[in-house]
PDB file of all heavy atoms in Angstrom:
ATOM      1  N   PRO A   1      96.643  88.086 106.308  1.00  0.00           N
ATOM      2  CA  PRO A   1      96.368  89.362 105.650  1.00  0.00           C
ATOM      3  C   PRO A   1      95.393  90.270 106.391  1.00  0.00           C
ATOM      4  O   PRO A   1      95.613  91.476 106.478  1.00  0.00           O
ATOM      5  CB  PRO A   1      95.798  88.962 104.283  1.00  0.00           C
ATOM      6  CG  PRO A   1      96.121  87.555 104.094  1.00  0.00           C
ATOM      7  CD  PRO A   1      96.355  86.951 105.437  1.00  0.00           C
ATOM      8  N   ARG A   2      94.348  89.712 106.931  1.00  0.00           N
ATOM      9  CA  ARG A   2      93.334  90.509 107.668  1.00  0.00           C
ATOM     10  C   ARG A   2      93.995  91.244 108.837  1.00  0.00           C
ATOM     11  O   ARG A   2      93.802  92.437 109.025  1.00  0.00           O
ATOM     12  CB  ARG A   2      92.240  89.602 108.144  1.00  0.00           C
ATOM     13  CG  ARG A   2      91.099  90.327 108.849  1.00  0.00           C
ATOM     14  CD  ARG A   2      90.046  89.280 109.275  1.00  0.00           C
ATOM     15  NE  ARG A   2      88.995  89.934 109.965  1.00  0.00           N
ATOM     16  CZ  ARG A   2      87.938  90.477 109.406  1.00  0.00           C
ATOM     17  NH1 ARG A   2      87.797  90.418 108.106  1.00  0.00           N
ATOM     18  NH2 ARG A   2      87.029  91.080 110.090  1.00  0.00           N
ATOM     19  N   GLU A   3      94.776  90.528 109.643  1.00  0.00           N
ATOM     20  CA  GLU A   3      95.434  91.115 110.810  1.00  0.00           C
ATOM     21  C   GLU A   3      96.634  91.927 110.376  1.00  0.00           C
ATOM     22  O   GLU A   3      97.133  92.761 111.158  1.00  0.00           O
ATOM     23  CB  GLU A   3      95.842  90.043 111.781  1.00  0.00           C
ATOM     24  CG  GLU A   3      94.667  89.280 112.398  1.00  0.00           C
ATOM     25  CD  GLU A   3      94.041  88.244 111.545  1.00  0.00           C
ATOM     26  OE1 GLU A   3      94.666  87.846 110.496  1.00  0.00           O
ATOM     27  OE2 GLU A   3      92.910  87.807 111.866  1.00  0.00           O
ATOM     28  N   GLY A   4      97.176  91.682 109.177  1.00  0.00           N
ATOM     29  CA  GLY A   4      98.376  92.329 108.729  1.00  0.00           C
ATOM     30  C   GLY A   4      98.214  93.680 108.119  1.00  0.00           C
ATOM     31  O   GLY A   4      99.194  94.422 107.898  1.00  0.00           O
ATOM     32  N   VAL A   5      96.950  94.095 107.876  1.00  0.00           N
ATOM     33  CA  VAL A   5      96.731  95.387 107.217  1.00  0.00           C
ATOM     34  C   VAL A   5      97.411  96.559 107.956  1.00  0.00           C
ATOM     35  O   VAL A   5      98.081  97.362 107.330  1.00  0.00           O
ATOM     36  CB  VAL A   5      95.237  95.661 106.954  1.00  0.00           C
ATOM     37  CG1 VAL A   5      94.955  97.131 106.645  1.00  0.00           C
ATOM     38  CG2 VAL A   5      94.736  94.755 105.822  1.00  0.00           C
ATOM     39  N   PRO A   6      97.265  96.664 109.276  1.00  0.00           N
ATOM     40  CA  PRO A   6      97.948  97.798 109.944  1.00  0.00           C
ATOM     41  C   PRO A   6      99.468  97.803 109.732  1.00  0.00           C
ATOM     42  O   PRO A   6     100.066  98.833 109.573  1.00  0.00           O
ATOM     43  CB  PRO A   6      97.632  97.594 111.451  1.00  0.00           C
ATOM     44  CG  PRO A   6      96.319  96.834 111.413  1.00  0.00           C
ATOM     45  CD  PRO A   6      96.418  95.915 110.224  1.00  0.00           C
ATOM     46  N   ASP A   7     100.099  96.625 109.688  1.00  0.00           N
ATOM     47  CA  ASP A   7     101.540  96.602 109.496  1.00  0.00           C
ATOM     48  C   ASP A   7     101.866  96.896 108.024  1.00  0.00           C
ATOM     49  O   ASP A   7     102.881  97.543 107.769  1.00  0.00           O
ATOM     50  CB  ASP A   7     102.201  95.299 109.916  1.00  0.00           C
ATOM     51  CG  ASP A   7     103.728  95.498 110.128  1.00  0.00           C
ATOM     52  OD1 ASP A   7     104.100  96.547 110.693  1.00  0.00           O
ATOM     53  OD2 ASP A   7     104.501  94.642 109.706  1.00  0.00           O
ATOM     54  N   LEU A   8     101.033  96.504 107.109  1.00  0.00           N
ATOM     55  CA  LEU A   8     101.230  96.900 105.689  1.00  0.00           C
ATOM     56  C   LEU A   8     101.164  98.416 105.573  1.00  0.00           C
ATOM     57  O   LEU A   8     102.012  98.996 104.855  1.00  0.00           O
ATOM     58  CB  LEU A   8     100.196  96.225 104.775  1.00  0.00           C
ATOM     59  CG  LEU A   8     100.293  96.638 103.272  1.00  0.00           C
ATOM     60  CD1 LEU A   8     101.674  96.329 102.726  1.00  0.00           C
ATOM     61  CD2 LEU A   8      99.190  95.976 102.511  1.00  0.00           C
ATOM     62  N   VAL A   9     100.259  99.008 106.275  1.00  0.00           N
ATOM     63  CA  VAL A   9     100.157 100.500 106.253  1.00  0.00           C
ATOM     64  C   VAL A   9     101.455 101.100 106.816  1.00  0.00           C
ATOM     65  O   VAL A   9     102.041 101.983 106.219  1.00  0.00           O
ATOM     66  CB  VAL A   9      98.921 100.975 107.035  1.00  0.00           C
ATOM     67  CG1 VAL A   9      98.931 102.498 107.203  1.00  0.00           C
ATOM     68  CG2 VAL A   9      97.639 100.528 106.316  1.00  0.00           C
ATOM     69  N   ARG A  10     101.944 100.529 107.937  1.00  0.00           N
ATOM     70  CA  ARG A  10     103.186 101.064 108.547  1.00  0.00           C
ATOM     71  C   ARG A  10     104.390 100.839 107.612  1.00  0.00           C
ATOM     72  O   ARG A  10     105.205 101.724 107.439  1.00  0.00           O
ATOM     73  CB  ARG A  10     103.457 100.412 109.888  1.00  0.00           C
ATOM     74  CG  ARG A  10     102.561 100.979 111.014  1.00  0.00           C
ATOM     75  CD  ARG A  10     102.973 100.467 112.366  1.00  0.00           C
ATOM     76  NE  ARG A  10     102.801  99.044 112.506  1.00  0.00           N
ATOM     77  CZ  ARG A  10     101.639  98.468 112.900  1.00  0.00           C
ATOM     78  NH1 ARG A  10     100.554  99.189 113.130  1.00  0.00           N
ATOM     79  NH2 ARG A  10     101.573  97.145 113.003  1.00  0.00           N
ATOM     80  N   LEU A  11     104.486  99.621 107.026  1.00  0.00           N
ATOM     81  CA  LEU A  11     105.583  99.358 106.068  1.00  0.00           C
ATOM     82  C   LEU A  11     105.555 100.299 104.888  1.00  0.00           C
ATOM     83  O   LEU A  11     106.591 100.814 104.446  1.00  0.00           O
ATOM     84  CB  LEU A  11     105.477  97.895 105.538  1.00  0.00           C
ATOM     85  CG  LEU A  11     106.106  96.809 106.310  1.00  0.00           C
ATOM     86  CD1 LEU A  11     105.766  95.461 105.703  1.00  0.00           C
ATOM     87  CD2 LEU A  11     107.595  96.997 106.413  1.00  0.00           C
ATOM     88  N   THR A  12     104.364 100.557 104.402  1.00  0.00           N
ATOM     89  CA  THR A  12     104.227 101.490 103.281  1.00  0.00           C
ATOM     90  C   THR A  12     104.656 102.899 103.684  1.00  0.00           C
ATOM     91  O   THR A  12     105.391 103.558 102.916  1.00  0.00           O
ATOM     92  CB  THR A  12     102.770 101.494 102.733  1.00  0.00           C
ATOM     93  OG1 THR A  12     102.423 100.145 102.345  1.00  0.00           O
ATOM     94  CG2 THR A  12     102.636 102.408 101.529  1.00  0.00           C
ATOM     95  N   GLU A  13     104.219 103.372 104.817  1.00  0.00           N
ATOM     96  CA  GLU A  13     104.615 104.700 105.265  1.00  0.00           C
ATOM     97  C   GLU A  13     106.099 104.794 105.516  1.00  0.00           C
ATOM     98  O   GLU A  13     106.732 105.802 105.173  1.00  0.00           O
ATOM     99  CB  GLU A  13     103.788 105.090 106.512  1.00  0.00           C
ATOM    100  CG  GLU A  13     102.296 105.335 106.163  1.00  0.00           C
ATOM    101  CD  GLU A  13     101.437 105.689 107.329  1.00  0.00           C
ATOM    102  OE1 GLU A  13     101.786 105.393 108.493  1.00  0.00           O
ATOM    103  OE2 GLU A  13     100.391 106.311 107.122  1.00  0.00           O
ATOM    104  N   GLU A  14     106.692 103.743 106.102  1.00  0.00           N
ATOM    105  CA  GLU A  14     108.136 103.710 106.306  1.00  0.00           C
ATOM    106  C   GLU A  14     108.904 103.772 105.001  1.00  0.00           C
ATOM    107  O   GLU A  14     109.910 104.404 104.875  1.00  0.00           O
ATOM    108  CB  GLU A  14     108.503 102.504 107.123  1.00  0.00           C
ATOM    109  CG  GLU A  14     108.071 102.541 108.569  1.00  0.00           C
ATOM    110  CD  GLU A  14     108.216 101.194 109.302  1.00  0.00           C
ATOM    111  OE1 GLU A  14     109.135 100.460 108.989  1.00  0.00           O
ATOM    112  OE2 GLU A  14     107.393 100.944 110.195  1.00  0.00           O
ATOM    113  N   THR A  15     108.367 103.047 103.981  1.00  0.00           N
ATOM    114  CA  THR A  15     108.960 103.039 102.671  1.00  0.00           C
ATOM    115  C   THR A  15     108.856 104.406 102.036  1.00  0.00           C
ATOM    116  O   THR A  15     109.790 104.893 101.441  1.00  0.00           O
ATOM    117  CB  THR A  15     108.268 101.936 101.816  1.00  0.00           C
ATOM    118  OG1 THR A  15     108.529 100.659 102.448  1.00  0.00           O
ATOM    119  CG2 THR A  15     108.884 101.934 100.398  1.00  0.00           C
ATOM    120  N   LEU A  16     107.697 105.039 102.160  1.00  0.00           N
ATOM    121  CA  LEU A  16     107.536 106.412 101.617  1.00  0.00           C
ATOM    122  C   LEU A  16     108.535 107.335 102.283  1.00  0.00           C
ATOM    123  O   LEU A  16     109.082 108.240 101.591  1.00  0.00           O
ATOM    124  CB  LEU A  16     106.093 106.878 101.796  1.00  0.00           C
ATOM    125  CG  LEU A  16     105.044 106.166 100.968  1.00  0.00           C
ATOM    126  CD1 LEU A  16     103.622 106.616 101.359  1.00  0.00           C
ATOM    127  CD2 LEU A  16     105.252 106.342  99.464  1.00  0.00           C
ATOM    128  N   ASP A  17     108.744 107.197 103.560  1.00  0.00           N
ATOM    129  CA  ASP A  17     109.734 107.999 104.260  1.00  0.00           C
ATOM    130  C   ASP A  17     111.115 107.791 103.699  1.00  0.00           C
ATOM    131  O   ASP A  17     111.901 108.766 103.562  1.00  0.00           O
ATOM    132  CB  ASP A  17     109.739 107.709 105.773  1.00  0.00           C
ATOM    133  CG  ASP A  17     108.548 108.312 106.514  1.00  0.00           C
ATOM    134  OD1 ASP A  17     107.859 109.186 105.941  1.00  0.00           O
ATOM    135  OD2 ASP A  17     108.326 107.888 107.654  1.00  0.00           O
ATOM    136  N   LEU A  18     111.455 106.525 103.407  1.00  0.00           N
ATOM    137  CA  LEU A  18     112.799 106.243 102.818  1.00  0.00           C
ATOM    138  C   LEU A  18     112.906 106.848 101.403  1.00  0.00           C
ATOM    139  O   LEU A  18     113.981 107.399 101.067  1.00  0.00           O
ATOM    140  CB  LEU A  18     113.028 104.733 102.778  1.00  0.00           C
ATOM    141  CG  LEU A  18     113.317 104.083 104.104  1.00  0.00           C
ATOM    142  CD1 LEU A  18     113.271 102.547 103.981  1.00  0.00           C
ATOM    143  CD2 LEU A  18     114.703 104.511 104.614  1.00  0.00           C
ATOM    144  N   VAL A  19     111.850 106.817 100.649  1.00  0.00           N
ATOM    145  CA  VAL A  19     111.906 107.414  99.323  1.00  0.00           C
ATOM    146  C   VAL A  19     112.117 108.923  99.487  1.00  0.00           C
ATOM    147  O   VAL A  19     112.947 109.525  98.823  1.00  0.00           O
ATOM    148  CB  VAL A  19     110.564 107.146  98.541  1.00  0.00           C
ATOM    149  CG1 VAL A  19     110.522 107.990  97.246  1.00  0.00           C
ATOM    150  CG2 VAL A  19     110.422 105.667  98.215  1.00  0.00           C
ATOM    151  N   GLU A  20     111.375 109.544 100.426  1.00  0.00           N
ATOM    152  CA  GLU A  20     111.488 110.957 100.643  1.00  0.00           C
ATOM    153  C   GLU A  20     112.909 111.334 101.086  1.00  0.00           C
ATOM    154  O   GLU A  20     113.451 112.344 100.642  1.00  0.00           O
ATOM    155  CB  GLU A  20     110.463 111.358 101.722  1.00  0.00           C
ATOM    156  CG  GLU A  20     110.402 112.833 101.943  1.00  0.00           C
ATOM    157  CD  GLU A  20     109.196 113.170 102.892  1.00  0.00           C
ATOM    158  OE1 GLU A  20     109.270 112.750 104.031  1.00  0.00           O
ATOM    159  OE2 GLU A  20     108.280 113.836 102.414  1.00  0.00           O
ATOM    160  N   ALA A  21     113.520 110.541 101.948  1.00  0.00           N
ATOM    161  CA  ALA A  21     114.839 110.818 102.463  1.00  0.00           C
ATOM    162  C   ALA A  21     115.964 110.571 101.447  1.00  0.00           C
ATOM    163  O   ALA A  21     116.955 111.303 101.430  1.00  0.00           O
ATOM    164  CB  ALA A  21     115.130 109.987 103.667  1.00  0.00           C
ATOM    165  N   HIS A  22     115.777 109.561 100.564  1.00  0.00           N
ATOM    166  CA  HIS A  22     116.901 109.175  99.705  1.00  0.00           C
ATOM    167  C   HIS A  22     116.686 109.430  98.241  1.00  0.00           C
ATOM    168  O   HIS A  22     117.607 109.289  97.429  1.00  0.00           O
ATOM    169  CB  HIS A  22     117.188 107.666  99.922  1.00  0.00           C
ATOM    170  CG  HIS A  22     117.643 107.376 101.301  1.00  0.00           C
ATOM    171  ND1 HIS A  22     118.925 107.613 101.745  1.00  0.00           N
ATOM    172  CD2 HIS A  22     116.968 106.918 102.415  1.00  0.00           C
ATOM    173  CE1 HIS A  22     119.010 107.295 103.038  1.00  0.00           C
ATOM    174  NE2 HIS A  22     117.834 106.868 103.423  1.00  0.00           N
ATOM    175  N   VAL A  23     115.477 109.844  97.857  1.00  0.00           N
ATOM    176  CA  VAL A  23     115.198 110.239  96.476  1.00  0.00           C
ATOM    177  C   VAL A  23     114.429 111.572  96.533  1.00  0.00           C
ATOM    178  O   VAL A  23     113.237 111.615  96.231  1.00  0.00           O
ATOM    179  CB  VAL A  23     114.364 109.135  95.733  1.00  0.00           C
ATOM    180  CG1 VAL A  23     114.329 109.453  94.239  1.00  0.00           C
ATOM    181  CG2 VAL A  23     114.952 107.755  95.955  1.00  0.00           C
ATOM    182  N   PRO A  24     115.088 112.615  96.980  1.00  0.00           N
ATOM    183  CA  PRO A  24     114.442 113.875  97.241  1.00  0.00           C
ATOM    184  C   PRO A  24     113.763 114.489  96.036  1.00  0.00           C
ATOM    185  O   PRO A  24     112.825 115.299  96.220  1.00  0.00           O
ATOM    186  CB  PRO A  24     115.532 114.763  97.817  1.00  0.00           C
ATOM    187  CG  PRO A  24     116.819 114.157  97.344  1.00  0.00           C
ATOM    188  CD  PRO A  24     116.544 112.687  97.232  1.00  0.00           C
ATOM    189  N   ASP A  25     114.162 114.167  94.822  1.00  0.00           N
ATOM    190  CA  ASP A  25     113.570 114.773  93.644  1.00  0.00           C
ATOM    191  C   ASP A  25     112.238 114.094  93.290  1.00  0.00           C
ATOM    192  O   ASP A  25     111.516 114.597  92.448  1.00  0.00           O
ATOM    193  CB  ASP A  25     114.544 114.622  92.445  1.00  0.00           C
ATOM    194  CG  ASP A  25     115.729 115.500  92.622  1.00  0.00           C
ATOM    195  OD1 ASP A  25     115.655 116.504  93.348  1.00  0.00           O
ATOM    196  OD2 ASP A  25     116.758 115.187  91.953  1.00  0.00           O
ATOM    197  N   TYR A  26     111.879 112.974  93.939  1.00  0.00           N
ATOM    198  CA  TYR A  26     110.646 112.284  93.643  1.00  0.00           C
ATOM    199  C   TYR A  26     109.542 112.941  94.466  1.00  0.00           C
ATOM    200  O   TYR A  26     109.603 112.997  95.689  1.00  0.00           O
ATOM    201  CB  TYR A  26     110.767 110.801  94.005  1.00  0.00           C
ATOM    202  CG  TYR A  26     109.538 110.020  93.524  1.00  0.00           C
ATOM    203  CD1 TYR A  26     109.484 109.498  92.220  1.00  0.00           C
ATOM    204  CD2 TYR A  26     108.470 109.790  94.380  1.00  0.00           C
ATOM    205  CE1 TYR A  26     108.351 108.787  91.796  1.00  0.00           C
ATOM    206  CE2 TYR A  26     107.354 109.088  93.967  1.00  0.00           C
ATOM    207  CZ  TYR A  26     107.310 108.615  92.685  1.00  0.00           C
ATOM    208  OH  TYR A  26     106.188 107.886  92.290  1.00  0.00           O
ATOM    209  N   ASP A  27     108.523 113.426  93.815  1.00  0.00           N
ATOM    210  CA  ASP A  27     107.425 114.104  94.473  1.00  0.00           C
ATOM    211  C   ASP A  27     106.437 113.091  95.027  1.00  0.00           C
ATOM    212  O   ASP A  27     105.774 112.398  94.244  1.00  0.00           O
ATOM    213  CB  ASP A  27     106.713 115.070  93.503  1.00  0.00           C
ATOM    214  CG  ASP A  27     105.579 115.819  94.164  1.00  0.00           C
ATOM    215  OD1 ASP A  27     105.410 115.763  95.414  1.00  0.00           O
ATOM    216  OD2 ASP A  27     104.846 116.504  93.427  1.00  0.00           O
ATOM    217  N   LEU A  28     106.391 112.970  96.365  1.00  0.00           N
ATOM    218  CA  LEU A  28     105.560 111.991  96.996  1.00  0.00           C
ATOM    219  C   LEU A  28     104.144 112.445  97.334  1.00  0.00           C
ATOM    220  O   LEU A  28     103.369 111.701  97.839  1.00  0.00           O
ATOM    221  CB  LEU A  28     106.214 111.512  98.292  1.00  0.00           C
ATOM    222  CG  LEU A  28     107.342 110.493  98.134  1.00  0.00           C
ATOM    223  CD1 LEU A  28     108.017 110.237  99.446  1.00  0.00           C
ATOM    224  CD2 LEU A  28     106.781 109.231  97.590  1.00  0.00           C
ATOM    225  N   ALA A  29     103.866 113.700  97.055  1.00  0.00           N
ATOM    226  CA  ALA A  29     102.548 114.264  97.447  1.00  0.00           C
ATOM    227  C   ALA A  29     101.387 113.428  96.918  1.00  0.00           C
ATOM    228  O   ALA A  29     100.478 113.066  97.656  1.00  0.00           O
ATOM    229  CB  ALA A  29     102.427 115.698  96.991  1.00  0.00           C
ATOM    230  N   ALA A  30     101.427 113.073  95.673  1.00  0.00           N
ATOM    231  CA  ALA A  30     100.338 112.277  95.086  1.00  0.00           C
ATOM    232  C   ALA A  30     100.265 110.876  95.653  1.00  0.00           C
ATOM    233  O   ALA A  30      99.208 110.348  95.888  1.00  0.00           O
ATOM    234  CB  ALA A  30     100.511 112.256  93.543  1.00  0.00           C
ATOM    235  N   ALA A  31     101.445 110.271  95.871  1.00  0.00           N
ATOM    236  CA  ALA A  31     101.457 108.910  96.426  1.00  0.00           C
ATOM    237  C   ALA A  31     100.902 108.903  97.859  1.00  0.00           C
ATOM    238  O   ALA A  31     100.116 108.077  98.197  1.00  0.00           O
ATOM    239  CB  ALA A  31     102.880 108.377  96.400  1.00  0.00           C
ATOM    240  N   ARG A  32     101.305 109.865  98.647  1.00  0.00           N
ATOM    241  CA  ARG A  32     100.817 109.957 100.017  1.00  0.00           C
ATOM    242  C   ARG A  32      99.324 110.262 100.031  1.00  0.00           C
ATOM    243  O   ARG A  32      98.576 109.639 100.812  1.00  0.00           O
ATOM    244  CB  ARG A  32     101.589 110.990 100.825  1.00  0.00           C
ATOM    245  CG  ARG A  32     102.983 110.582 101.179  1.00  0.00           C
ATOM    246  CD  ARG A  32     103.566 111.542 102.238  1.00  0.00           C
ATOM    247  NE  ARG A  32     104.963 111.326 102.483  1.00  0.00           N
ATOM    248  CZ  ARG A  32     105.453 110.398 103.305  1.00  0.00           C
ATOM    249  NH1 ARG A  32     104.679 109.591 103.965  1.00  0.00           N
ATOM    250  NH2 ARG A  32     106.743 110.304 103.503  1.00  0.00           N
ATOM    251  N   ALA A  33      98.873 111.147  99.198  1.00  0.00           N
ATOM    252  CA  ALA A  33      97.455 111.485  99.118  1.00  0.00           C
ATOM    253  C   ALA A  33      96.636 110.263  98.637  1.00  0.00           C
ATOM    254  O   ALA A  33      95.588 109.943  99.174  1.00  0.00           O
ATOM    255  CB  ALA A  33      97.203 112.666  98.212  1.00  0.00           C
ATOM    256  N   GLY A  34      97.118 109.556  97.636  1.00  0.00           N
ATOM    257  CA  GLY A  34      96.444 108.439  97.086  1.00  0.00           C
ATOM    258  C   GLY A  34      96.400 107.270  98.042  1.00  0.00           C
ATOM    259  O   GLY A  34      95.406 106.529  98.099  1.00  0.00           O
ATOM    260  N   PHE A  35      97.420 107.142  98.875  1.00  0.00           N
ATOM    261  CA  PHE A  35      97.457 106.061  99.853  1.00  0.00           C
ATOM    262  C   PHE A  35      96.599 106.396 101.061  1.00  0.00           C
ATOM    263  O   PHE A  35      96.083 105.500 101.766  1.00  0.00           O
ATOM    264  CB  PHE A  35      98.900 105.796 100.288  1.00  0.00           C
ATOM    265  CG  PHE A  35      99.084 104.692 101.245  1.00  0.00           C
ATOM    266  CD1 PHE A  35      98.639 103.405 100.928  1.00  0.00           C
ATOM    267  CD2 PHE A  35      99.680 104.892 102.478  1.00  0.00           C
ATOM    268  CE1 PHE A  35      98.822 102.350 101.818  1.00  0.00           C
ATOM    269  CE2 PHE A  35      99.838 103.835 103.378  1.00  0.00           C
ATOM    270  CZ  PHE A  35      99.418 102.578 103.024  1.00  0.00           C
ATOM    271  N   GLY A  36      96.464 107.667 101.328  1.00  0.00           N
ATOM    272  CA  GLY A  36      95.737 108.082 102.529  1.00  0.00           C
ATOM    273  C   GLY A  36      96.638 108.059 103.753  1.00  0.00           C
ATOM    274  O   GLY A  36      96.217 107.815 104.834  1.00  0.00           O
TER     275      GLY A  36
END
């Protein structure tokens, strides 16, 4: 887990990108802001 944090961040960002691309009606602004 300690070494995995950067990849968890990348996985989360890649997932947010997939949500943005395939669920365009979902507003990701709050999720992205909350995640940093």
